[in-house]
Amino acid sequence: MIKRFMVGCLAICGLFFVGCAKLDSTPEAKNSRCESPFAFVSMPQISFTDNDLKITEEEVQEFLKKEIDQDKCLAVSQVPDASNFKIIVQSHLDTNKKEGVVSTAQESIATIKTSFILSKDRTSSQFNSEQSLKINGKKVLGIGKGAQISQKDRQMLLQRAVKKSYEQMLGALR
C-alpha cells in the first residue's frame, strides 16, 4: 500500500516538473521588434551641456548602438532620404550636506537628460527623457559612508535615458 502511494506521488511530481519545464520550439528567441529598418537617420551629432557626470560621446554611442541593434527598426545611413539626428545630453550632480554636532548627512542627486532631435526638410521633432537617482549617506564622527554616485549608477542612468528617448522616437516614427 505504501509502495503504491509513493509511486503515485513520484508520478504526480514527475508530471508537475515536466509540465512546468519551458520548452522552446525555436533554437533562439527573437529579440528584434522589426524585420527590417523602417526609417533611416544620419550618424548622430552628440553635444553636451552641464556635463557634471563627465559622460563621454562614446558612452552615448554605445547605448544608442545597443538599442538600434536590438530592435533593428532604425538604420544609420548617409542616404539622401535620412533624417538629421542630433543628441543633446545634460547631466547634473547636486550634493547637499547637513552637518550636526556629531554626524553629517549627505544627499547626492544625479540627473541625466537626453534630447533626441530628428529633422528632415522643414520639420523637426524632439524626444526627451530625464532620469534621476538619489543616494543618501551618513557619517557619524567621520565614520560611515558618504553619498557617492558610482560608475555603475552613472551608466544605468545614461542607459535608461537613452532608451526612453529612443523608444519615444520610434513611437513617433511608426
Foldseek 3Di string as FASTA:
>chain_A
DVVVVVVVVVVVVVVVVVVPDDDDPDPDDAQAPDPAAPAEAEDEAEEEDAPPVPDDPVLLVVLLVVVCVRHRHYYHDPPPRHWYKYKYKYKDKDKDWDDDDFKIKMKIKIKMKMWIWTDDDHDIDIFMDMDMDMFIWMDGNNDTDHGDQDPVNVSVRSSVGSVRSVVVVVVVVD
